[in-house]
Amino acid sequence: MRILSVLAQYGFSAASISLAAMPDGQEFSSSRLVVTYTAMIGHARAMLNLPVVNIEAFMFEKPHEAASQQVRRFDGEAFLKRIFLIMNSERRLAI
């Protein structure tokens, strides 16, 4: 998954985990945030007491010049800014 490798490049440890692996939440005690899709936000919030980043908030429709279709574009810069904002906020709250 490309997002995992991008997060790793910035020093974050990330894992892709299915909903079936989430029920008790104990194995996520070292986690500091959740990145998920809109449809899974409610499940993640109900199972884990962590900040949630909706990855779909960073996907935008962009007109494709060669066709009359729309192309989805991921705003990786804004996504990383949001991750850093959450991580820095948590760090400040812990001090």
Protein backbone atom coordinates (compact mmCIF):
# COMPACT_ATOMS: atom_id res chain seq x y z
CA MET A 1 0.00 0.00 0.00
CA ARG A 2 1.49 3.31 -1.07
CA ILE A 3 0.26 5.25 1.97
CA LEU A 4 2.10 2.90 4.33
CA SER A 5 5.36 3.44 2.48
CA VAL A 6 4.89 7.23 2.43
CA LEU A 7 4.25 7.28 6.18
CA ALA A 8 7.32 5.08 6.73
CA GLN A 9 9.45 7.57 4.76
CA TYR A 10 8.49 10.20 7.33
CA GLY A 11 9.34 7.97 10.29
CA PHE A 12 5.87 6.69 11.11
CA SER A 13 5.24 3.04 11.85
CA ALA A 14 2.04 2.09 10.03
CA ALA A 15 0.08 -1.12 9.48
CA SER A 16 -2.85 -2.12 7.31
CA ILE A 17 -5.40 -3.87 9.51
CA SER A 18 -8.77 -5.34 8.61
CA LEU A 19 -11.93 -4.64 10.58
CA ALA A 20 -11.94 -8.27 11.73
CA ALA A 21 -8.66 -7.63 13.55
CA MET A 22 -10.10 -4.69 15.49
CA PRO A 23 -12.71 -6.09 17.91
CA ASP A 24 -10.87 -5.90 21.25
CA GLY A 25 -8.51 -3.04 20.43
CA GLN A 26 -5.84 -4.30 22.81
CA GLU A 27 -3.26 -4.93 20.10
CA PHE A 28 -3.60 -1.27 19.15
CA SER A 29 -2.51 0.14 22.51
CA SER A 30 0.64 1.64 20.97
CA SER A 31 -1.30 3.22 18.08
CA ARG A 32 -1.73 6.98 18.05
CA LEU A 33 -4.20 7.48 15.21
CA VAL A 34 -6.35 5.68 12.65
CA VAL A 35 -6.41 6.35 8.90
CA THR A 36 -9.56 4.96 7.31
CA TYR A 37 -12.28 5.49 4.70
CA THR A 38 -15.56 7.29 5.38
CA ALA A 39 -17.57 4.07 5.65
CA MET A 40 -15.32 2.74 8.43
CA ILE A 41 -15.03 5.86 10.62
CA GLY A 42 -17.92 4.88 12.90
CA HIS A 43 -16.49 1.39 13.44
CA ALA A 44 -13.01 2.72 14.16
CA ARG A 45 -14.30 5.31 16.63
CA ALA A 46 -16.51 2.76 18.39
CA MET A 47 -13.66 0.27 18.80
CA LEU A 48 -10.65 2.52 19.33
CA ASN A 49 -10.26 5.69 21.34
CA LEU A 50 -7.93 7.32 18.82
CA PRO A 51 -8.02 10.32 16.47
CA VAL A 52 -9.36 9.34 13.04
CA VAL A 53 -8.13 10.70 9.70
CA ASN A 54 -10.52 10.17 6.79
CA ILE A 55 -8.35 9.43 3.77
CA GLU A 56 -11.22 10.26 1.42
CA ALA A 57 -11.07 13.88 2.61
CA PHE A 58 -7.81 14.13 0.66
CA MET A 59 -9.14 12.68 -2.63
CA PHE A 60 -10.43 15.19 -5.14
CA GLU A 61 -12.08 14.94 -8.54
CA LYS A 62 -9.91 16.51 -11.21
CA PRO A 63 -11.06 16.98 -14.80
CA HIS A 64 -9.09 14.78 -17.17
CA GLU A 65 -7.83 16.81 -20.13
CA ALA A 66 -7.84 13.94 -22.64
CA ALA A 67 -11.37 12.79 -21.88
CA SER A 68 -14.64 14.07 -20.53
CA GLN A 69 -14.12 11.95 -17.39
CA GLN A 70 -13.14 12.94 -13.89
CA VAL A 71 -9.95 11.55 -12.37
CA ARG A 72 -9.45 11.18 -8.62
CA ARG A 73 -6.34 12.83 -7.26
CA PHE A 74 -4.86 12.21 -3.80
CA ASP A 75 -3.51 15.32 -2.06
CA GLY A 76 -0.56 13.67 -0.32
CA GLU A 77 0.87 16.95 0.94
CA ALA A 78 -2.35 17.89 2.76
CA PHE A 79 -2.67 14.33 4.10
CA LEU A 80 0.83 14.42 5.59
CA LYS A 81 0.21 17.88 7.06
CA ARG A 82 -2.88 16.50 8.83
CA ILE A 83 -0.93 13.50 10.18
CA PHE A 84 1.85 15.78 11.47
CA LEU A 85 -0.72 18.14 13.01
CA ILE A 86 -2.34 15.31 14.96
CA MET A 87 0.96 13.82 16.05
CA ASN A 88 2.33 17.21 17.16
CA SER A 89 -0.92 18.02 19.00
CA GLU A 90 -0.73 14.73 20.89
CA ARG A 91 2.89 15.38 21.77
CA ARG A 92 2.02 18.82 23.18
CA LEU A 93 -0.87 17.39 25.20
CA ALA A 94 1.40 14.72 26.71
CA ILE A 95 3.88 17.28 28.06
